[in-house]
Protein backbone atom coordinates (compact mmCIF):
# COMPACT_ATOMS: atom_id res chain seq x y z
CA MET A 1 -13.57 16.41 -11.39
CA THR A 2 -13.13 13.00 -13.32
CA GLY A 3 -11.30 10.07 -11.53
CA ARG A 4 -7.94 11.37 -13.56
CA GLY A 5 -5.51 12.12 -11.80
CA LEU A 6 -6.73 11.29 -8.40
CA PRO A 7 -4.28 8.64 -6.32
CA SER A 8 -3.53 5.55 -8.04
CA HIS A 9 -0.46 4.84 -6.32
CA PHE A 10 0.41 1.36 -5.59
CA LEU A 11 1.16 0.58 -2.04
CA ALA A 12 3.06 3.73 -1.88
CA GLY A 13 3.86 3.96 1.67
CA ALA A 14 2.11 1.05 2.94
CA LEU A 15 4.49 -2.23 3.09
CA ALA A 16 7.52 0.07 2.00
CA ALA A 17 6.26 1.37 -1.25
CA ALA A 18 6.79 -1.41 -3.34
CA ILE A 19 10.17 -1.01 -4.79
CA GLY A 20 12.88 -2.63 -5.18
CA LEU A 21 16.52 -1.63 -4.76
CA ALA A 22 20.14 -3.16 -5.36
CA LEU A 23 22.50 -2.84 -1.90
CA PRO A 24 25.75 -1.29 -3.06
CA GLY A 25 28.67 -2.20 -2.41
CA GLY A 26 28.93 -5.06 0.46
CA ALA A 27 26.13 -3.77 2.10
CA ALA A 28 24.11 -6.66 1.42
CA GLU A 29 26.84 -9.25 2.80
CA ALA A 30 26.61 -6.79 6.28
CA ALA A 31 22.81 -6.56 6.28
CA GLU A 32 21.12 -8.42 9.17
CA PRO A 33 18.87 -11.05 8.21
CA VAL A 34 15.24 -9.60 7.91
CA ALA A 35 11.91 -11.43 8.61
CA LEU A 36 8.38 -9.35 7.74
CA THR A 37 5.68 -10.20 9.95
CA PRO A 38 2.53 -10.80 8.84
CA HIS A 39 0.11 -7.77 9.66
CA ARG A 40 -3.29 -6.17 9.28
CA ALA A 41 -3.02 -2.56 9.41
CA SER A 42 -5.42 0.38 8.41
CA TYR A 43 -4.69 3.85 7.90
CA GLU A 44 -7.09 7.35 8.38
CA VAL A 45 -6.06 9.26 5.10
CA ALA A 46 -6.87 13.02 5.18
CA LEU A 47 -5.23 16.52 2.99
CA ASP A 48 -2.19 17.47 4.33
CA HIS A 49 -1.70 20.54 1.78
CA ALA A 50 -4.62 22.36 0.42
CA SER A 51 -4.68 22.75 -3.30
CA GLU A 52 -6.51 25.00 -5.48
CA ASP A 53 -8.64 21.91 -6.54
CA LEU A 54 -9.28 20.07 -3.75
CA LEU A 55 -11.46 21.37 -0.65
CA SER A 56 -10.69 18.37 1.35
CA VAL A 57 -9.65 14.64 1.44
CA ASP A 58 -11.03 11.75 3.82
CA GLY A 59 -10.73 8.14 3.46
CA ARG A 60 -9.50 4.60 4.65
CA ILE A 61 -5.95 2.40 3.75
CA ALA A 62 -6.38 -1.14 4.68
CA VAL A 63 -3.79 -3.55 3.93
CA ALA A 64 -2.98 -6.91 4.39
CA LEU A 65 0.54 -8.90 4.62
CA SER A 66 0.11 -12.41 4.82
CA GLU A 67 2.41 -15.65 4.79
CA PRO A 68 0.49 -18.95 3.57
CA SER A 69 1.16 -22.12 5.79
CA ASP A 70 2.82 -23.63 2.47
CA CYS A 71 5.45 -21.33 2.51
CA THR A 72 5.30 -20.82 -1.15
CA GLY A 73 5.59 -16.79 -0.75
CA TYR A 74 3.29 -14.08 0.56
CA ALA A 75 0.27 -12.26 -0.29
CA ILE A 76 -0.65 -8.52 -0.34
CA ASP A 77 -4.49 -7.48 -0.07
CA TYR A 78 -4.70 -3.71 -0.08
CA ARG A 79 -7.59 -1.38 -0.64
CA PHE A 80 -8.06 2.60 -0.30
CA VAL A 81 -11.24 4.08 -0.54
CA ALA A 82 -11.28 8.06 -0.10
CA ARG A 83 -14.11 10.81 -0.44
CA PHE A 84 -12.34 14.07 -2.65
CA LEU A 85 -14.17 17.39 -2.33
CA LYS A 86 -13.95 20.13 -5.28
CA ASP A 87 -15.79 23.02 -5.14
CA GLN A 88 -19.48 21.61 -4.95
CA GLU A 89 -18.27 18.11 -6.41
CA ILE A 90 -17.64 15.11 -4.62
CA VAL A 91 -16.13 12.24 -5.73
CA VAL A 92 -15.86 8.42 -4.09
CA THR A 93 -12.77 6.48 -5.34
CA ASP A 94 -12.39 2.95 -4.64
CA GLN A 95 -8.86 1.07 -5.18
CA GLN A 96 -8.38 -2.43 -4.36
CA ILE A 97 -5.13 -4.41 -5.14
CA ARG A 98 -4.19 -7.96 -4.88
CA LEU A 99 -0.62 -9.20 -4.94
CA LYS A 100 1.04 -12.91 -4.90
CA GLU A 101 4.42 -13.06 -4.56
CA SER A 102 7.17 -16.39 -4.47
CA ARG A 103 9.01 -16.77 -1.53
CA ASP A 104 12.30 -16.56 -4.09
CA GLY A 105 11.10 -13.12 -5.45
CA LYS A 106 11.11 -14.02 -9.05
CA SER A 107 7.36 -14.22 -9.97
CA PHE A 108 4.95 -12.02 -9.02
CA ALA A 109 1.30 -11.90 -10.02
CA PHE A 110 -1.08 -9.07 -9.83
CA ASP A 111 -4.81 -7.95 -9.82
CA ALA A 112 -5.63 -4.45 -9.44
CA GLN A 113 -9.28 -2.83 -9.68
CA SER A 114 -10.31 1.14 -9.45
CA PHE A 115 -13.49 2.40 -9.59
CA VAL A 116 -15.02 5.96 -9.17
CA ASP A 117 -18.44 7.14 -8.19
CA SER A 118 -19.16 2.98 -7.90
CA LEU A 119 -18.31 2.68 -11.61
CA PRO A 120 -15.12 0.53 -13.17
CA GLU A 121 -12.47 3.15 -13.90
CA MET A 122 -9.76 0.33 -14.57
CA THR A 123 -8.65 -3.28 -14.04
CA THR A 124 -5.21 -4.14 -14.48
CA LYS A 125 -4.09 -7.75 -14.50
CA GLY A 126 -1.38 -10.23 -15.01
CA THR A 127 2.25 -11.56 -14.44
CA ALA A 128 5.91 -10.91 -13.97
CA THR A 129 9.20 -12.95 -13.85
CA SER A 130 12.43 -11.78 -13.04
CA THR A 131 16.02 -13.06 -13.59
CA ASP A 132 19.37 -11.70 -13.38
CA GLU A 133 19.09 -10.59 -17.00
CA ALA A 134 15.35 -8.77 -17.20
CA THR A 135 11.65 -8.68 -15.89
CA VAL A 136 9.08 -9.68 -18.47
CA VAL A 137 5.61 -8.57 -17.50
CA THR A 138 2.44 -10.58 -19.29
CA TYR A 139 -0.34 -8.51 -18.96
CA LYS A 140 -4.05 -10.11 -18.94
CA GLU A 141 -5.81 -6.50 -18.70
CA PRO A 142 -6.31 -4.05 -20.08
CA VAL A 143 -4.77 -5.15 -23.03
CA PRO A 144 -3.07 -8.75 -23.47
CA ARG A 145 0.94 -8.10 -24.28
CA GLU A 146 3.95 -8.85 -22.89
CA VAL A 147 6.94 -6.28 -21.91
CA GLY A 148 10.29 -6.34 -21.32
CA LEU A 149 12.19 -4.49 -18.46
CA ALA A 150 15.52 -4.28 -16.71
CA THR A 151 15.49 -6.46 -14.00
CA SER A 152 13.06 -5.35 -11.13
CA THR A 153 12.41 -6.42 -8.09
CA PHE A 154 8.87 -6.75 -6.31
CA PRO A 155 6.96 -5.28 -3.40
CA VAL A 156 7.52 -7.91 -0.49
CA HIS A 157 11.15 -8.34 -1.61
CA HIS A 158 11.67 -4.59 -1.57
CA THR A 159 10.43 -4.32 1.54
CA ARG A 160 12.74 -6.77 3.01
CA HIS A 161 15.79 -5.18 1.23
CA VAL A 162 15.30 -1.65 2.05
CA VAL A 163 15.28 -2.80 6.00
CA GLU A 164 18.41 -4.71 5.42
CA ALA A 165 19.58 -1.08 4.02
CA ALA A 166 18.65 0.56 6.79
CA LYS A 167 20.03 -1.59 9.59
CA ALA A 168 23.30 -1.70 7.32
CA GLY A 169 23.30 2.06 7.04
CA VAL A 170 22.99 2.96 3.51
CA PRO A 171 21.74 6.38 3.20
CA ILE A 172 20.36 6.35 -0.46
CA PHE A 173 19.53 4.68 -3.54
CA GLU A 174 18.17 4.26 -6.83
CA SER A 175 16.57 1.03 -8.12
CA HIS A 176 14.36 -0.47 -11.03
CA VAL A 177 10.85 -1.08 -9.48
CA PHE A 178 7.65 -3.04 -10.93
CA GLN A 179 4.45 -2.81 -9.15
CA GLY A 180 1.64 -3.80 -10.97
CA ASP A 181 1.52 -0.35 -12.98
CA ALA A 182 -0.96 -0.71 -15.75
CA ASP A 183 2.23 1.03 -17.97
CA ALA A 184 5.26 -1.06 -17.49
CA GLU A 185 6.86 0.31 -20.60
CA LYS A 186 7.56 3.70 -18.81
CA ASN A 187 9.92 1.69 -17.02
CA MET A 188 9.34 2.98 -13.35
CA THR A 189 12.38 3.68 -10.81
CA SER A 190 13.03 4.73 -7.62
CA THR A 191 15.62 6.85 -5.66
CA VAL A 192 15.01 6.22 -1.63
CA VAL A 193 16.63 8.11 1.20
CA VAL A 194 17.01 6.46 4.57
CA THR A 195 17.04 8.55 7.73
CA PRO A 196 17.47 7.34 11.24
CA LEU A 197 14.59 7.76 13.27
CA GLY A 198 15.62 9.08 16.96
CA ALA A 199 14.11 7.56 20.33
CA GLU A 200 11.82 10.28 20.75
CA ALA A 201 10.76 11.43 17.58
CA LEU A 202 9.92 7.92 17.43
CA ALA A 203 7.99 7.61 20.69
CA GLY A 204 6.12 10.67 19.79
CA GLU A 205 4.87 9.02 16.37
CA ILE A 206 3.50 5.92 18.07
CA ALA A 207 1.78 7.86 20.68
CA GLY A 208 -0.71 9.11 17.92
CA TYR A 209 -1.13 5.38 16.84
CA GLY A 210 -4.46 4.23 17.65
CA ALA A 211 -8.26 5.34 17.88
CA VAL A 212 -8.49 9.32 18.72
CA ALA A 213 -9.74 9.98 22.20
CA GLY A 214 -13.31 11.68 21.69
CA ARG A 215 -13.70 10.87 18.69
CA LYS A 216 -16.56 8.32 17.12
CA THR A 217 -14.67 5.49 15.73
CA ASP A 218 -15.27 1.52 14.34
CA ALA A 219 -13.58 -0.69 16.22
CA ASP A 220 -10.56 -0.86 14.38
CA GLY A 221 -10.23 2.72 15.19
CA SER A 222 -10.96 3.93 11.51
CA GLY A 223 -12.98 7.06 10.43
CA GLY A 224 -13.65 8.44 7.31
CA VAL A 225 -15.30 7.87 4.58
CA GLU A 226 -17.17 4.63 4.40
CA ASN A 227 -14.55 2.79 6.61
CA GLU A 228 -16.35 -0.76 6.49
CA ARG A 229 -16.40 -0.47 2.51
CA ALA A 230 -12.61 0.27 2.61
CA GLY A 231 -11.80 -2.53 5.02
CA ASP A 232 -14.29 -5.04 3.11
CA GLY A 233 -11.08 -6.94 0.83
CA ALA A 234 -7.81 -6.49 3.07
CA GLY A 235 -7.78 -10.14 4.07
CA ASP A 236 -9.12 -11.95 1.54
CA ALA A 237 -5.93 -12.54 -0.35
CA ALA A 238 -4.79 -13.93 2.64
CA ALA A 239 -7.25 -16.26 2.53
CA GLY A 240 -6.79 -17.20 -1.01
CA GLU A 241 -9.67 -16.19 -2.31
CA GLU A 242 -10.39 -14.40 -5.66
CA PRO A 243 -10.82 -10.68 -6.43
CA ASP A 244 -14.61 -10.03 -6.39
CA GLY A 245 -14.34 -6.80 -8.60
CA ALA A 246 -17.10 -5.30 -6.22
CA ALA A 247 -17.83 -1.64 -6.28
CA PRO A 248 -18.67 0.71 -3.46
CA ASP A 249 -22.42 -0.24 -2.57
CA ASP A 250 -25.33 2.44 -2.94
CA GLU A 251 -24.94 4.16 0.00
CA ALA A 252 -20.68 4.88 -1.03
CA ALA A 253 -22.07 6.21 -4.34
CA GLU A 254 -24.45 8.41 -2.67
CA ALA A 255 -22.08 9.76 -0.58
CA GLY A 256 -19.82 10.98 -3.41
CA ASN A 257 -22.93 11.96 -5.91
CA GLY A 258 -22.20 9.19 -7.94
CA PRO A 259 -25.08 7.19 -9.75
CA ALA A 260 -27.00 4.28 -7.27
CA ALA A 261 -26.97 0.52 -9.38
CA THR A 262 -29.03 0.48 -11.65
CA ASP A 263 -29.47 -2.75 -14.43
CA ASP A 264 -26.77 -0.90 -16.40
CA ALA A 265 -24.34 -0.09 -13.59
CA PRO A 266 -22.48 -2.73 -11.61
CA GLN A 267 -24.30 -3.91 -8.95
CA ALA A 268 -22.89 -3.53 -5.40
CA ALA A 269 -21.52 -6.85 -3.78
CA GLU A 270 -22.49 -7.71 -0.28
CA THR A 271 -20.39 -5.99 2.61
CA PRO A 272 -18.02 -8.77 3.91
CA ALA A 273 -16.98 -9.49 7.19
CA GLU A 274 -14.22 -6.66 8.01
CA PRO A 275 -10.18 -8.27 8.02
CA GLU A 276 -9.42 -9.51 11.41
CA ALA A 277 -7.01 -6.89 12.33
CA ALA A 278 -9.19 -4.22 11.51
CA GLY A 279 -12.39 -5.33 12.97
CA SER A 280 -12.88 -8.47 14.92
CA ASN A 281 -9.80 -7.60 17.60
CA SER A 282 -11.37 -5.12 19.74
CA THR A 283 -7.61 -4.18 20.87
CA ALA A 284 -6.47 -3.59 17.07
CA ALA A 285 -6.81 0.43 17.48
CA ASP A 286 -6.20 0.60 21.26
CA PRO A 287 -2.97 2.91 21.21
CA ALA A 288 -1.18 1.15 24.19
CA THR A 289 -1.62 -1.99 22.44
CA ILE A 290 -0.39 -0.63 19.42
CA ALA A 291 2.69 0.91 21.04
CA GLU A 292 3.51 -2.50 22.58
CA ARG A 293 2.89 -4.36 19.45
CA LEU A 294 5.90 -2.33 18.30
CA ASP A 295 7.75 -1.53 21.57
CA GLY A 296 11.65 -2.02 21.18
CA LEU A 297 11.08 -2.26 17.29
CA LYS A 298 14.16 -0.32 15.14
CA ALA A 299 12.50 2.32 12.81
CA TRP A 300 13.46 4.34 10.18
CA LYS A 301 12.29 7.66 8.38
CA ILE A 302 12.02 6.61 4.38
CA SER A 303 11.72 9.54 1.45
CA GLU A 304 11.05 8.04 -2.16
CA SER A 305 10.74 9.35 -5.16
CA PHE A 306 9.28 7.89 -8.34
CA TYR A 307 10.25 8.46 -11.78
CA ASN A 308 9.36 7.24 -15.42
CA SER A 309 9.35 8.61 -18.82
CA ASP A 310 6.77 10.65 -18.16
CA SER A 311 8.95 12.76 -15.07
CA ASP A 312 9.45 16.29 -15.45
CA GLU A 313 12.11 17.74 -17.92
CA ASP A 314 13.66 19.35 -14.21
CA GLY A 315 14.10 15.93 -13.19
CA LEU A 316 10.55 16.20 -10.77
CA PRO A 317 9.11 13.07 -10.09
CA VAL A 318 5.88 11.33 -10.89
CA PHE A 319 5.05 10.76 -7.03
CA GLN A 320 6.92 11.21 -3.93
CA THR A 321 6.03 9.55 -0.47
CA SER A 322 7.72 9.30 3.00
CA TYR A 323 7.09 7.13 5.39
CA THR A 324 7.69 5.72 8.76
CA LEU A 325 9.16 1.90 8.66
CA PHE A 326 9.62 -0.69 11.38
CA GLU A 327 12.08 -3.52 11.06
CA ASN A 328 9.32 -6.15 10.91
CA GLY A 329 7.77 -4.07 7.91
CA VAL A 330 4.96 -2.74 9.33
CA THR A 331 4.61 1.08 8.00
CA GLY A 332 3.70 3.59 10.50
CA ASN A 333 2.23 7.28 9.70
CA GLN A 334 2.69 8.39 5.77
CA ILE A 335 2.93 11.01 3.47
CA LEU A 336 1.67 11.10 0.03
CA LYS A 337 2.64 13.57 -2.45
CA TYR A 338 0.95 13.49 -5.79
CA ASP A 339 0.83 16.80 -8.72
CA GLY A 340 -1.00 19.56 -6.64
CA TYR A 341 -1.75 17.79 -3.49
CA THR A 342 -0.32 16.15 -0.65
CA LEU A 343 -1.99 13.57 1.68
CA LYS A 344 -1.42 12.29 5.14
CA ALA A 345 -2.44 8.70 6.23
CA ARG A 346 -1.83 7.93 9.81
CA LEU A 347 -1.79 4.28 11.42
CA SER A 348 -5.11 3.52 13.30
CA SER A 349 -4.95 -0.08 13.61
CA LEU A 350 -2.60 -2.96 13.98
CA GLU A 351 -2.93 -6.59 14.10
CA LEU A 352 0.31 -8.84 13.62
CA GLU A 353 0.12 -12.63 12.96
CA THR A 354 2.08 -15.82 13.40
CA ALA A 355 4.65 -16.36 10.38
CA PRO A 356 4.69 -20.03 9.29
CA VAL A 357 7.94 -22.15 10.18
CA CYS A 358 9.69 -22.18 6.64
CA SER A 359 12.82 -23.99 6.09
CA GLY A 360 15.28 -21.25 4.30
CA PRO A 361 15.96 -17.79 4.86
CA ALA A 362 13.07 -15.51 3.65
CA GLY A 363 13.45 -14.56 0.11
CA GLU A 364 15.64 -17.67 -0.39
């Protein structure tokens, strides 16, 4: 089993799956202003529906949304470490994604690295700019090139827009999206369905957030494969640091039957401190504290399907996800549907941060 065909989703679910939309009709004028709350969150990941190829999956997603004090834009730092068991073979994957987006939503920088059993698999790095006429993507890696697309919305502004649509009662819409994909030429589009979430259903989900009683977890409430590794980078973008490209260390490689670091393989980097929301604050995983942080917020169930030029002739999407989205931009539990298997991600820790005071509304 190789890394091909394993999850390569880009903020799918977390931070509203990082796609854009255009509000139909007069919905944009009717939509309430949306202010996203900077935050750090982590999610426990497991196999939801078994498949012929996979016996089990466990892992962790760590994500941080920050808004620098200079009010120039937003940063997202995302990491997903997972262990896939197939027959007698174990594969450990590590995806590290760092994004920066301008406050007006017209410029975007992306740096994504993936590792399989500690070995580099792919690096995608570049920038993109959007106008009313087009989005132009300029790649630095893996191959320098320029790609022109239909005007597409970048991750943070998509999240704002999807909340606006939900508040305005827009039930379904389609949009062009760009998330930093390595193959922008495939012209990714998305169909989003917004469903109201009743108070009882929402309360039931929130009650399941945080650390699980009787289960050994870290301070952030996370469990599963190499949790400390999964959170290593989530927060670097918020601090303005450049990606270090670190692969999981020898211990993670051993967990996945992968090679340990050698002279010919990437050396494991020292483990940096845990992200603040996932480790330094002992209340981040406390169920009651998480419930308090989300108390009184509106939320919706979002179902999303992604399509590109590789989509099935019968109109089937290349990827599907559903998730709970709160009006402050926090994502709750998620379902991630890939070709042949489905993963579930449970919100296990949450820390809210203070946004800077900026002149003018976000996104302007």
